[in-house]
């Protein structure tokens, strides 16, 4: 692939899209070589949803069968999942409503009831979708939890008493070391992920199997994806690791957080340490969605989010 222009402008973006991506209805599989173009697009149009980093799209590309293409001046992604295919919201400048209509009608002509999913609230409020023949549906299970980083570092107040207590008990019981994740520690993180999956029987559960594949992709391509990470060592052994990166100017997103489930207090400890050591200059952290899983929802709510990044799905009224 040709080197993409390093300055994303109204003229340069059209040229970059034209040179590097097929035009709808054609598409191609998302690959690592698409990172410069995708990064530039998200720099030009800063995202608020956790899905919109190249890392997230890349590491989940197998599970969702993600395709990339252009439609006029828009950068587009399609999750060609057979059971629930959907487009991600288009990224770019131009007639957003017309772009969405084109995508949805194209799927209708194929007899596929695809939706445009993961649509952030600010896009919903900008247009009268109903008047354009498009139905809007809330998607609570995919909405992101966003926290003040200062809150999760200091854990002040009565509401965080249990978190502070868990961390205190962990520190009293274990002699541990927090380190910045480097390439030399990747194999140890992969080993922990394999052990975690053995305990949780990932091979028998599709969601966990897909998650494990995504985690391994992130670790294997750690340097190429330019991720930041942290690990906790106990007796010289990696017992927890986490990966994240900036989402926009004031928010970071945590893609992965994995710990030995048999060690109490390990999750809140690495959560706090990662934010304190790497992200204290940012205002917010997006810790992604709960997918409608009761245990995960309870865990995310226990950190008292500052707000939710609500998401929606768009579909044609005829469906």
C-alpha atoms as a PDB file:
ATOM      1  CA  UNK A   1       0.000   0.000   0.000  1.00  0.00           C
ATOM      2  CA  UNK A   2       1.208   3.522  -0.772  1.00  0.00           C
ATOM      3  CA  UNK A   3       2.184   5.771   2.114  1.00  0.00           C
ATOM      4  CA  UNK A   4      -0.857   7.802   3.180  1.00  0.00           C
ATOM      5  CA  UNK A   5      -0.550  11.600   3.365  1.00  0.00           C
ATOM      6  CA  UNK A   6       0.252  12.613   6.938  1.00  0.00           C
ATOM      7  CA  UNK A   7      -2.051  15.644   6.887  1.00  0.00           C
ATOM      8  CA  UNK A   8      -5.743  14.821   6.615  1.00  0.00           C
ATOM      9  CA  UNK A   9      -7.520  17.629   4.748  1.00  0.00           C
ATOM     10  CA  UNK A  10     -10.735  17.746   2.711  1.00  0.00           C
ATOM     11  CA  UNK A  11      -8.659  17.251  -0.445  1.00  0.00           C
ATOM     12  CA  UNK A  12      -6.172  14.781   1.004  1.00  0.00           C
ATOM     13  CA  UNK A  13      -8.846  12.557   2.560  1.00  0.00           C
ATOM     14  CA  UNK A  14     -10.609  12.051  -0.768  1.00  0.00           C
ATOM     15  CA  UNK A  15      -7.322  11.213  -2.434  1.00  0.00           C
ATOM     16  CA  UNK A  16      -6.272   8.842   0.359  1.00  0.00           C
ATOM     17  CA  UNK A  17      -9.600   7.030   0.259  1.00  0.00           C
ATOM     18  CA  UNK A  18      -9.550   6.793  -3.537  1.00  0.00           C
ATOM     19  CA  UNK A  19      -6.020   5.381  -3.682  1.00  0.00           C
ATOM     20  CA  UNK A  20      -6.234   2.924  -0.823  1.00  0.00           C
ATOM     21  CA  UNK A  21      -9.760   1.573  -0.606  1.00  0.00           C
ATOM     22  CA  UNK A  22     -12.283  -0.045  -2.960  1.00  0.00           C
ATOM     23  CA  UNK A  23     -15.507   1.877  -3.545  1.00  0.00           C
ATOM     24  CA  UNK A  24     -18.840   0.526  -2.331  1.00  0.00           C
ATOM     25  CA  UNK A  25     -20.324  -1.983  -3.068  1.00  0.00           C
ATOM     26  CA  UNK A  26     -16.826  -3.465  -3.289  1.00  0.00           C
ATOM     27  CA  UNK A  27     -14.802  -3.964  -0.117  1.00  0.00           C
ATOM     28  CA  UNK A  28     -11.751  -5.713   1.256  1.00  0.00           C
ATOM     29  CA  UNK A  29     -10.772  -7.442   4.455  1.00  0.00           C
ATOM     30  CA  UNK A  30      -9.371  -5.117   7.100  1.00  0.00           C
ATOM     31  CA  UNK A  31      -5.625  -5.650   7.483  1.00  0.00           C
ATOM     32  CA  UNK A  32      -2.677  -4.163   9.330  1.00  0.00           C
ATOM     33  CA  UNK A  33      -1.676  -2.125   6.279  1.00  0.00           C
ATOM     34  CA  UNK A  34      -4.892  -0.099   6.703  1.00  0.00           C
ATOM     35  CA  UNK A  35      -3.748   1.316  10.038  1.00  0.00           C
ATOM     36  CA  UNK A  36      -2.258   4.617   8.747  1.00  0.00           C
ATOM     37  CA  UNK A  37      -5.419   5.517   6.858  1.00  0.00           C
ATOM     38  CA  UNK A  38      -7.768   4.535   9.683  1.00  0.00           C
ATOM     39  CA  UNK A  39      -5.674   6.356  12.284  1.00  0.00           C
ATOM     40  CA  UNK A  40      -5.707   9.508  10.181  1.00  0.00           C
ATOM     41  CA  UNK A  41      -9.468   9.323   9.727  1.00  0.00           C
ATOM     42  CA  UNK A  42     -10.041   9.004  13.473  1.00  0.00           C
ATOM     43  CA  UNK A  43      -7.606  11.855  14.054  1.00  0.00           C
ATOM     44  CA  UNK A  44      -9.563  14.046  11.658  1.00  0.00           C
ATOM     45  CA  UNK A  45     -12.922  12.942  13.098  1.00  0.00           C
ATOM     46  CA  UNK A  46     -12.249  12.097  16.789  1.00  0.00           C
ATOM     47  CA  UNK A  47     -14.416   9.171  17.933  1.00  0.00           C
ATOM     48  CA  UNK A  48     -16.325   8.748  21.163  1.00  0.00           C
ATOM     49  CA  UNK A  49     -17.237   5.058  20.851  1.00  0.00           C
ATOM     50  CA  UNK A  50     -14.820   2.368  22.007  1.00  0.00           C
ATOM     51  CA  UNK A  51     -15.027   0.462  18.703  1.00  0.00           C
ATOM     52  CA  UNK A  52     -13.402   3.293  16.795  1.00  0.00           C
ATOM     53  CA  UNK A  53      -9.714   2.691  17.187  1.00  0.00           C
ATOM     54  CA  UNK A  54      -7.826   0.720  14.586  1.00  0.00           C
ATOM     55  CA  UNK A  55      -6.801  -1.683  17.343  1.00  0.00           C
ATOM     56  CA  UNK A  56     -10.363  -2.587  18.270  1.00  0.00           C
ATOM     57  CA  UNK A  57     -11.434  -3.126  14.673  1.00  0.00           C
ATOM     58  CA  UNK A  58      -8.292  -5.114  13.894  1.00  0.00           C
ATOM     59  CA  UNK A  59      -8.238  -7.490  16.839  1.00  0.00           C
ATOM     60  CA  UNK A  60     -11.951  -8.310  16.411  1.00  0.00           C
ATOM     61  CA  UNK A  61     -11.772  -8.606  12.626  1.00  0.00           C
ATOM     62  CA  UNK A  62     -12.017 -12.405  12.658  1.00  0.00           C
ATOM     63  CA  UNK A  63     -15.012 -12.557  14.976  1.00  0.00           C
ATOM     64  CA  UNK A  64     -16.943  -9.898  13.052  1.00  0.00           C
ATOM     65  CA  UNK A  65     -15.430 -10.533   9.603  1.00  0.00           C
ATOM     66  CA  UNK A  66     -14.749  -6.820   9.215  1.00  0.00           C
ATOM     67  CA  UNK A  67     -14.568  -5.296   5.745  1.00  0.00           C
ATOM     68  CA  UNK A  68     -13.326  -1.814   4.885  1.00  0.00           C
ATOM     69  CA  UNK A  69     -14.344   0.363   1.925  1.00  0.00           C
ATOM     70  CA  UNK A  70     -15.201   3.922   0.901  1.00  0.00           C
ATOM     71  CA  UNK A  71     -18.461   5.540  -0.092  1.00  0.00           C
ATOM     72  CA  UNK A  72     -17.817   8.962  -1.612  1.00  0.00           C
ATOM     73  CA  UNK A  73     -15.892  10.845   1.110  1.00  0.00           C
ATOM     74  CA  UNK A  74     -16.759   8.398   3.873  1.00  0.00           C
ATOM     75  CA  UNK A  75     -14.599   5.678   5.360  1.00  0.00           C
ATOM     76  CA  UNK A  76     -16.827   2.685   6.105  1.00  0.00           C
ATOM     77  CA  UNK A  77     -16.617  -0.624   7.935  1.00  0.00           C
ATOM     78  CA  UNK A  78     -18.927  -3.613   7.609  1.00  0.00           C
ATOM     79  CA  UNK A  79     -19.207  -6.520  10.041  1.00  0.00           C
ATOM     80  CA  UNK A  80     -20.083  -9.341   7.669  1.00  0.00           C
ATOM     81  CA  UNK A  81     -21.151 -11.610  10.499  1.00  0.00           C
ATOM     82  CA  UNK A  82     -23.680 -14.029   9.026  1.00  0.00           C
ATOM     83  CA  UNK A  83     -26.035 -14.018  11.994  1.00  0.00           C
ATOM     84  CA  UNK A  84     -26.077 -10.261  12.679  1.00  0.00           C
ATOM     85  CA  UNK A  85     -24.403  -8.257   9.895  1.00  0.00           C
ATOM     86  CA  UNK A  86     -24.089  -4.534  10.471  1.00  0.00           C
ATOM     87  CA  UNK A  87     -22.309  -1.425   9.274  1.00  0.00           C
ATOM     88  CA  UNK A  88     -20.431   0.783  11.683  1.00  0.00           C
ATOM     89  CA  UNK A  89     -21.339   4.487  11.459  1.00  0.00           C
ATOM     90  CA  UNK A  90     -19.562   6.102   8.486  1.00  0.00           C
ATOM     91  CA  UNK A  91     -16.553   8.313   9.183  1.00  0.00           C
ATOM     92  CA  UNK A  92     -16.036  11.442   7.104  1.00  0.00           C
ATOM     93  CA  UNK A  93     -17.596  14.588   5.701  1.00  0.00           C
ATOM     94  CA  UNK A  94     -20.663  14.872   3.508  1.00  0.00           C
ATOM     95  CA  UNK A  95     -24.303  13.828   3.602  1.00  0.00           C
ATOM     96  CA  UNK A  96     -24.346  11.356   6.486  1.00  0.00           C
ATOM     97  CA  UNK A  97     -28.049  10.511   6.061  1.00  0.00           C
ATOM     98  CA  UNK A  98     -27.663   9.796   2.351  1.00  0.00           C
ATOM     99  CA  UNK A  99     -24.637   7.597   3.064  1.00  0.00           C
ATOM    100  CA  UNK A 100     -26.572   5.562   5.640  1.00  0.00           C
ATOM    101  CA  UNK A 101     -29.565   5.251   3.328  1.00  0.00           C
ATOM    102  CA  UNK A 102     -27.338   3.983   0.514  1.00  0.00           C
ATOM    103  CA  UNK A 103     -25.810   1.316   2.749  1.00  0.00           C
ATOM    104  CA  UNK A 104     -29.126   0.126   4.142  1.00  0.00           C
ATOM    105  CA  UNK A 105     -30.944   0.053   0.802  1.00  0.00           C
ATOM    106  CA  UNK A 106     -28.086  -1.878  -0.777  1.00  0.00           C
ATOM    107  CA  UNK A 107     -28.482  -4.577   1.856  1.00  0.00           C
ATOM    108  CA  UNK A 108     -32.263  -4.589   1.420  1.00  0.00           C
ATOM    109  CA  UNK A 109     -31.848  -5.251  -2.302  1.00  0.00           C
ATOM    110  CA  UNK A 110     -29.777  -8.297  -1.361  1.00  0.00           C
ATOM    111  CA  UNK A 111     -32.486  -9.469   1.030  1.00  0.00           C
ATOM    112  CA  UNK A 112     -30.261  -8.856   4.063  1.00  0.00           C
ATOM    113  CA  UNK A 113     -31.671  -6.986   7.061  1.00  0.00           C
ATOM    114  CA  UNK A 114     -28.369  -5.364   8.000  1.00  0.00           C
ATOM    115  CA  UNK A 115     -28.322  -2.408  10.378  1.00  0.00           C
ATOM    116  CA  UNK A 116     -25.982   0.458  11.090  1.00  0.00           C
ATOM    117  CA  UNK A 117     -24.881  -0.302  14.625  1.00  0.00           C
ATOM    118  CA  UNK A 118     -22.797   1.318  17.366  1.00  0.00           C
ATOM    119  CA  UNK A 119     -24.103   4.762  16.368  1.00  0.00           C
ATOM    120  CA  UNK A 120     -23.104   7.383  18.987  1.00  0.00           C
ATOM    121  CA  UNK A 121     -25.723   9.666  20.493  1.00  0.00           C
ATOM    122  CA  UNK A 122     -24.317  12.838  18.937  1.00  0.00           C
ATOM    123  CA  UNK A 123     -25.047  11.456  15.458  1.00  0.00           C
ATOM    124  CA  UNK A 124     -28.585  10.527  16.467  1.00  0.00           C
ATOM    125  CA  UNK A 125     -29.324  14.034  17.702  1.00  0.00           C
ATOM    126  CA  UNK A 126     -27.998  15.747  14.563  1.00  0.00           C
ATOM    127  CA  UNK A 127     -30.592  14.415  12.112  1.00  0.00           C
ATOM    128  CA  UNK A 128     -34.299  13.671  11.838  1.00  0.00           C
ATOM    129  CA  UNK A 129     -33.824  10.012  11.012  1.00  0.00           C
ATOM    130  CA  UNK A 130     -37.538   9.197  11.193  1.00  0.00           C
ATOM    131  CA  UNK A 131     -38.320  11.738   8.499  1.00  0.00           C
ATOM    132  CA  UNK A 132     -35.737  10.017   6.303  1.00  0.00           C
ATOM    133  CA  UNK A 133     -37.431   6.625   6.656  1.00  0.00           C
ATOM    134  CA  UNK A 134     -34.915   5.290   9.144  1.00  0.00           C
ATOM    135  CA  UNK A 135     -35.808   3.778  12.499  1.00  0.00           C
ATOM    136  CA  UNK A 136     -33.630   4.456  15.556  1.00  0.00           C
ATOM    137  CA  UNK A 137     -33.297   1.835  18.300  1.00  0.00           C
ATOM    138  CA  UNK A 138     -31.394   2.168  21.558  1.00  0.00           C
ATOM    139  CA  UNK A 139     -28.671  -0.445  22.093  1.00  0.00           C
ATOM    140  CA  UNK A 140     -27.999  -0.402  25.836  1.00  0.00           C
ATOM    141  CA  UNK A 141     -25.908  -3.573  25.775  1.00  0.00           C
ATOM    142  CA  UNK A 142     -23.333  -1.898  23.518  1.00  0.00           C
ATOM    143  CA  UNK A 143     -23.223   1.458  25.329  1.00  0.00           C
ATOM    144  CA  UNK A 144     -19.830   2.335  26.803  1.00  0.00           C
ATOM    145  CA  UNK A 145     -19.031   3.083  30.440  1.00  0.00           C
ATOM    146  CA  UNK A 146     -16.980   6.266  30.816  1.00  0.00           C
ATOM    147  CA  UNK A 147     -15.282   7.200  34.108  1.00  0.00           C
ATOM    148  CA  UNK A 148     -13.276  10.112  35.423  1.00  0.00           C
ATOM    149  CA  UNK A 149      -9.681   8.920  35.595  1.00  0.00           C
ATOM    150  CA  UNK A 150      -9.116  10.929  38.757  1.00  0.00           C
ATOM    151  CA  UNK A 151     -11.926   8.994  40.440  1.00  0.00           C
ATOM    152  CA  UNK A 152     -10.470   5.600  39.524  1.00  0.00           C
ATOM    153  CA  UNK A 153      -6.961   6.550  40.587  1.00  0.00           C
ATOM    154  CA  UNK A 154      -7.824   8.019  43.997  1.00  0.00           C
ATOM    155  CA  UNK A 155     -11.012   6.047  44.786  1.00  0.00           C
ATOM    156  CA  UNK A 156     -12.152   8.712  47.233  1.00  0.00           C
ATOM    157  CA  UNK A 157     -15.349   8.586  49.238  1.00  0.00           C
ATOM    158  CA  UNK A 158     -17.617   5.982  50.781  1.00  0.00           C
ATOM    159  CA  UNK A 159     -18.790   4.604  47.443  1.00  0.00           C
ATOM    160  CA  UNK A 160     -15.292   3.327  46.677  1.00  0.00           C
ATOM    161  CA  UNK A 161     -14.710   1.826  50.129  1.00  0.00           C
ATOM    162  CA  UNK A 162     -14.905  -1.769  48.884  1.00  0.00           C
ATOM    163  CA  UNK A 163     -12.490  -1.096  46.020  1.00  0.00           C
ATOM    164  CA  UNK A 164      -9.965   0.503  48.365  1.00  0.00           C
ATOM    165  CA  UNK A 165     -10.345  -2.375  50.778  1.00  0.00           C
ATOM    166  CA  UNK A 166      -9.758  -4.998  48.073  1.00  0.00           C
ATOM    167  CA  UNK A 167      -6.606  -3.209  46.922  1.00  0.00           C
ATOM    168  CA  UNK A 168      -5.372  -2.827  50.522  1.00  0.00           C
ATOM    169  CA  UNK A 169      -5.881  -6.521  51.236  1.00  0.00           C
ATOM    170  CA  UNK A 170      -4.108  -7.477  48.013  1.00  0.00           C
ATOM    171  CA  UNK A 171      -1.098  -5.289  48.826  1.00  0.00           C
ATOM    172  CA  UNK A 172      -0.876  -6.665  52.370  1.00  0.00           C
ATOM    173  CA  UNK A 173      -0.987 -10.264  51.165  1.00  0.00           C
ATOM    174  CA  UNK A 174       1.258 -10.159  48.098  1.00  0.00           C
ATOM    175  CA  UNK A 175       4.679  -8.759  47.300  1.00  0.00           C
ATOM    176  CA  UNK A 176       3.985  -7.564  43.781  1.00  0.00           C
ATOM    177  CA  UNK A 177       5.604  -5.468  41.078  1.00  0.00           C
ATOM    178  CA  UNK A 178       3.861  -3.268  38.502  1.00  0.00           C
ATOM    179  CA  UNK A 179       5.740  -2.874  35.198  1.00  0.00           C
ATOM    180  CA  UNK A 180       5.081  -1.220  31.875  1.00  0.00           C
ATOM    181  CA  UNK A 181       4.339  -3.914  29.316  1.00  0.00           C
ATOM    182  CA  UNK A 182       7.219  -4.500  26.896  1.00  0.00           C
ATOM    183  CA  UNK A 183       7.729  -6.985  24.088  1.00  0.00           C
ATOM    184  CA  UNK A 184       9.811  -9.172  26.413  1.00  0.00           C
ATOM    185  CA  UNK A 185       6.727  -9.807  28.578  1.00  0.00           C
ATOM    186  CA  UNK A 186       4.327 -10.680  25.754  1.00  0.00           C
ATOM    187  CA  UNK A 187       4.935 -14.438  25.946  1.00  0.00           C
ATOM    188  CA  UNK A 188       4.139 -14.379  29.672  1.00  0.00           C
ATOM    189  CA  UNK A 189       0.882 -12.522  28.991  1.00  0.00           C
ATOM    190  CA  UNK A 190      -0.056 -15.066  26.324  1.00  0.00           C
ATOM    191  CA  UNK A 191       0.634 -17.813  28.842  1.00  0.00           C
ATOM    192  CA  UNK A 192      -1.675 -16.166  31.396  1.00  0.00           C
ATOM    193  CA  UNK A 193      -4.413 -15.788  28.771  1.00  0.00           C
ATOM    194  CA  UNK A 194      -4.165 -19.492  27.919  1.00  0.00           C
ATOM    195  CA  UNK A 195      -4.393 -20.415  31.600  1.00  0.00           C
ATOM    196  CA  UNK A 196      -7.377 -18.084  32.084  1.00  0.00           C
ATOM    197  CA  UNK A 197      -9.137 -19.723  29.143  1.00  0.00           C
ATOM    198  CA  UNK A 198      -8.446 -23.193  30.465  1.00  0.00           C
ATOM    199  CA  UNK A 199     -10.184 -22.208  33.722  1.00  0.00           C
ATOM    200  CA  UNK A 200     -13.139 -20.606  31.922  1.00  0.00           C
ATOM    201  CA  UNK A 201     -13.403 -23.252  29.164  1.00  0.00           C
ATOM    202  CA  UNK A 202     -13.186 -20.689  26.379  1.00  0.00           C
ATOM    203  CA  UNK A 203     -13.268 -23.304  23.627  1.00  0.00           C
ATOM    204  CA  UNK A 204     -16.806 -24.256  24.611  1.00  0.00           C
ATOM    205  CA  UNK A 205     -18.177 -20.691  24.690  1.00  0.00           C
ATOM    206  CA  UNK A 206     -18.182 -18.706  21.437  1.00  0.00           C
ATOM    207  CA  UNK A 207     -17.979 -15.273  23.089  1.00  0.00           C
ATOM    208  CA  UNK A 208     -14.981 -16.226  25.224  1.00  0.00           C
ATOM    209  CA  UNK A 209     -13.307 -17.947  22.296  1.00  0.00           C
ATOM    210  CA  UNK A 210     -13.660 -14.802  20.179  1.00  0.00           C
ATOM    211  CA  UNK A 211     -12.395 -12.662  23.046  1.00  0.00           C
ATOM    212  CA  UNK A 212      -9.364 -14.900  23.475  1.00  0.00           C
ATOM    213  CA  UNK A 213      -8.562 -14.602  19.770  1.00  0.00           C
ATOM    214  CA  UNK A 214      -8.837 -10.804  20.015  1.00  0.00           C
ATOM    215  CA  UNK A 215      -6.549 -10.672  23.068  1.00  0.00           C
ATOM    216  CA  UNK A 216      -3.931 -12.817  21.369  1.00  0.00           C
ATOM    217  CA  UNK A 217      -4.090 -10.616  18.263  1.00  0.00           C
ATOM    218  CA  UNK A 218      -3.504  -7.530  20.422  1.00  0.00           C
ATOM    219  CA  UNK A 219      -0.551  -9.110  22.210  1.00  0.00           C
ATOM    220  CA  UNK A 220       1.072 -10.578  19.102  1.00  0.00           C
ATOM    221  CA  UNK A 221       0.770  -7.238  17.268  1.00  0.00           C
ATOM    222  CA  UNK A 222       1.463  -5.146  20.373  1.00  0.00           C
ATOM    223  CA  UNK A 223       4.289  -3.109  18.839  1.00  0.00           C
ATOM    224  CA  UNK A 224       2.707  -2.671  15.402  1.00  0.00           C
ATOM    225  CA  UNK A 225      -0.505  -1.399  17.022  1.00  0.00           C
ATOM    226  CA  UNK A 226       1.444   1.085  19.199  1.00  0.00           C
ATOM    227  CA  UNK A 227      -0.429   0.062  22.335  1.00  0.00           C
ATOM    228  CA  UNK A 228       0.404   0.913  25.933  1.00  0.00           C
ATOM    229  CA  UNK A 229       0.173  -1.781  28.537  1.00  0.00           C
ATOM    230  CA  UNK A 230       0.946  -2.780  32.084  1.00  0.00           C
ATOM    231  CA  UNK A 231       1.529  -5.997  33.987  1.00  0.00           C
ATOM    232  CA  UNK A 232       1.564  -7.108  37.593  1.00  0.00           C
ATOM    233  CA  UNK A 233       4.166  -9.665  38.623  1.00  0.00           C
ATOM    234  CA  UNK A 234       3.927 -11.801  41.746  1.00  0.00           C
ATOM    235  CA  UNK A 235       7.012 -13.855  42.565  1.00  0.00           C
ATOM    236  CA  UNK A 236       8.350 -12.895  39.140  1.00  0.00           C
ATOM    237  CA  UNK A 237       5.320 -14.295  37.300  1.00  0.00           C
ATOM    238  CA  UNK A 238       2.848 -12.244  35.241  1.00  0.00           C
ATOM    239  CA  UNK A 239      -0.508 -12.556  36.986  1.00  0.00           C
ATOM    240  CA  UNK A 240      -2.336  -9.637  35.322  1.00  0.00           C
ATOM    241  CA  UNK A 241      -2.003  -7.522  32.211  1.00  0.00           C
ATOM    242  CA  UNK A 242      -3.892  -4.674  30.552  1.00  0.00           C
ATOM    243  CA  UNK A 243      -3.797  -2.804  27.230  1.00  0.00           C
ATOM    244  CA  UNK A 244      -5.125   0.595  26.217  1.00  0.00           C
ATOM    245  CA  UNK A 245      -4.592   3.675  24.054  1.00  0.00           C
ATOM    246  CA  UNK A 246      -5.984   7.181  23.480  1.00  0.00           C
ATOM    247  CA  UNK A 247      -9.488   7.313  22.022  1.00  0.00           C
ATOM    248  CA  UNK A 248      -9.634  11.075  21.572  1.00  0.00           C
ATOM    249  CA  UNK A 249      -8.003  14.181  23.020  1.00  0.00           C
ATOM    250  CA  UNK A 250      -9.356  13.758  26.557  1.00  0.00           C
ATOM    251  CA  UNK A 251     -10.297  10.067  26.736  1.00  0.00           C
ATOM    252  CA  UNK A 252      -8.400   6.781  26.740  1.00  0.00           C
ATOM    253  CA  UNK A 253      -9.931   3.381  26.083  1.00  0.00           C
ATOM    254  CA  UNK A 254      -9.030   0.169  27.879  1.00  0.00           C
ATOM    255  CA  UNK A 255      -9.220  -2.676  25.385  1.00  0.00           C
ATOM    256  CA  UNK A 256      -8.117  -5.537  27.587  1.00  0.00           C
ATOM    257  CA  UNK A 257      -7.768  -6.262  31.284  1.00  0.00           C
ATOM    258  CA  UNK A 258      -7.036  -9.812  32.326  1.00  0.00           C
ATOM    259  CA  UNK A 259      -5.954 -11.218  35.697  1.00  0.00           C
ATOM    260  CA  UNK A 260      -5.613 -14.495  37.527  1.00  0.00           C
ATOM    261  CA  UNK A 261      -9.164 -14.926  38.891  1.00  0.00           C
ATOM    262  CA  UNK A 262      -7.881 -16.826  41.911  1.00  0.00           C
ATOM    263  CA  UNK A 263      -6.066 -13.775  43.305  1.00  0.00           C
ATOM    264  CA  UNK A 264      -8.461 -11.417  45.114  1.00  0.00           C
ATOM    265  CA  UNK A 265      -7.955  -7.707  44.540  1.00  0.00           C
ATOM    266  CA  UNK A 266      -5.824  -8.137  41.433  1.00  0.00           C
ATOM    267  CA  UNK A 267      -8.303  -6.571  38.993  1.00  0.00           C
ATOM    268  CA  UNK A 268      -8.856  -3.311  40.915  1.00  0.00           C
ATOM    269  CA  UNK A 269      -5.119  -3.062  41.585  1.00  0.00           C
ATOM    270  CA  UNK A 270      -4.027  -3.245  37.952  1.00  0.00           C
ATOM    271  CA  UNK A 271      -6.907  -0.975  36.924  1.00  0.00           C
ATOM    272  CA  UNK A 272      -5.709   1.706  39.340  1.00  0.00           C
ATOM    273  CA  UNK A 273      -2.005   1.230  38.614  1.00  0.00           C
ATOM    274  CA  UNK A 274      -2.401   1.396  34.822  1.00  0.00           C
ATOM    275  CA  UNK A 275      -4.347   4.652  34.963  1.00  0.00           C
ATOM    276  CA  UNK A 276      -2.010   6.210  37.513  1.00  0.00           C
ATOM    277  CA  UNK A 277       1.193   5.263  35.694  1.00  0.00           C
ATOM    278  CA  UNK A 278       0.127   5.918  32.101  1.00  0.00           C
ATOM    279  CA  UNK A 279      -3.017   8.023  31.778  1.00  0.00           C
ATOM    280  CA  UNK A 280      -3.190  10.534  34.644  1.00  0.00           C
ATOM    281  CA  UNK A 281      -3.059  13.502  32.230  1.00  0.00           C
ATOM    282  CA  UNK A 282      -6.312  12.436  30.543  1.00  0.00           C
ATOM    283  CA  UNK A 283      -9.748  13.316  31.919  1.00  0.00           C
ATOM    284  CA  UNK A 284     -11.739  10.176  31.120  1.00  0.00           C
ATOM    285  CA  UNK A 285     -11.378   6.462  30.536  1.00  0.00           C
ATOM    286  CA  UNK A 286     -13.774   4.464  28.372  1.00  0.00           C
ATOM    287  CA  UNK A 287     -13.989   0.911  29.679  1.00  0.00           C
ATOM    288  CA  UNK A 288     -16.204  -0.332  26.879  1.00  0.00           C
ATOM    289  CA  UNK A 289     -19.581  -2.076  27.086  1.00  0.00           C
ATOM    290  CA  UNK A 290     -21.121  -4.850  29.181  1.00  0.00           C
ATOM    291  CA  UNK A 291     -22.699  -6.784  26.265  1.00  0.00           C
ATOM    292  CA  UNK A 292     -25.795  -7.365  28.368  1.00  0.00           C
ATOM    293  CA  UNK A 293     -23.951  -9.777  30.671  1.00  0.00           C
ATOM    294  CA  UNK A 294     -25.277  -9.364  34.205  1.00  0.00           C
ATOM    295  CA  UNK A 295     -21.970 -10.013  35.969  1.00  0.00           C
ATOM    296  CA  UNK A 296     -20.057  -7.671  33.713  1.00  0.00           C
ATOM    297  CA  UNK A 297     -22.691  -4.966  34.072  1.00  0.00           C
ATOM    298  CA  UNK A 298     -22.547  -5.226  37.851  1.00  0.00           C
ATOM    299  CA  UNK A 299     -18.745  -4.982  37.798  1.00  0.00           C
ATOM    300  CA  UNK A 300     -18.733  -1.902  35.563  1.00  0.00           C
ATOM    301  CA  UNK A 301     -21.473  -0.187  37.563  1.00  0.00           C
ATOM    302  CA  UNK A 302     -19.501  -0.798  40.759  1.00  0.00           C
ATOM    303  CA  UNK A 303     -16.975   1.790  39.559  1.00  0.00           C
ATOM    304  CA  UNK A 304     -19.725   4.440  39.243  1.00  0.00           C
ATOM    305  CA  UNK A 305     -19.385   5.758  35.668  1.00  0.00           C
ATOM    306  CA  UNK A 306     -19.321   9.501  35.099  1.00  0.00           C
ATOM    307  CA  UNK A 307     -21.565   8.961  32.064  1.00  0.00           C
ATOM    308  CA  UNK A 308     -22.556   6.430  29.446  1.00  0.00           C
ATOM    309  CA  UNK A 309     -21.616   6.765  25.790  1.00  0.00           C
ATOM    310  CA  UNK A 310     -25.029   5.688  24.557  1.00  0.00           C
ATOM    311  CA  UNK A 311     -25.222   3.848  21.253  1.00  0.00           C
ATOM    312  CA  UNK A 312     -28.022   3.146  18.815  1.00  0.00           C
ATOM    313  CA  UNK A 313     -28.849   1.062  15.758  1.00  0.00           C
ATOM    314  CA  UNK A 314     -30.366   2.359  12.528  1.00  0.00           C
ATOM    315  CA  UNK A 315     -32.536   0.327  10.180  1.00  0.00           C
ATOM    316  CA  UNK A 316     -35.038   0.950   7.400  1.00  0.00           C
ATOM    317  CA  UNK A 317     -38.629   1.309   8.573  1.00  0.00           C
ATOM    318  CA  UNK A 318     -39.729  -1.331   6.046  1.00  0.00           C
ATOM    319  CA  UNK A 319     -37.897  -4.005   8.010  1.00  0.00           C
END
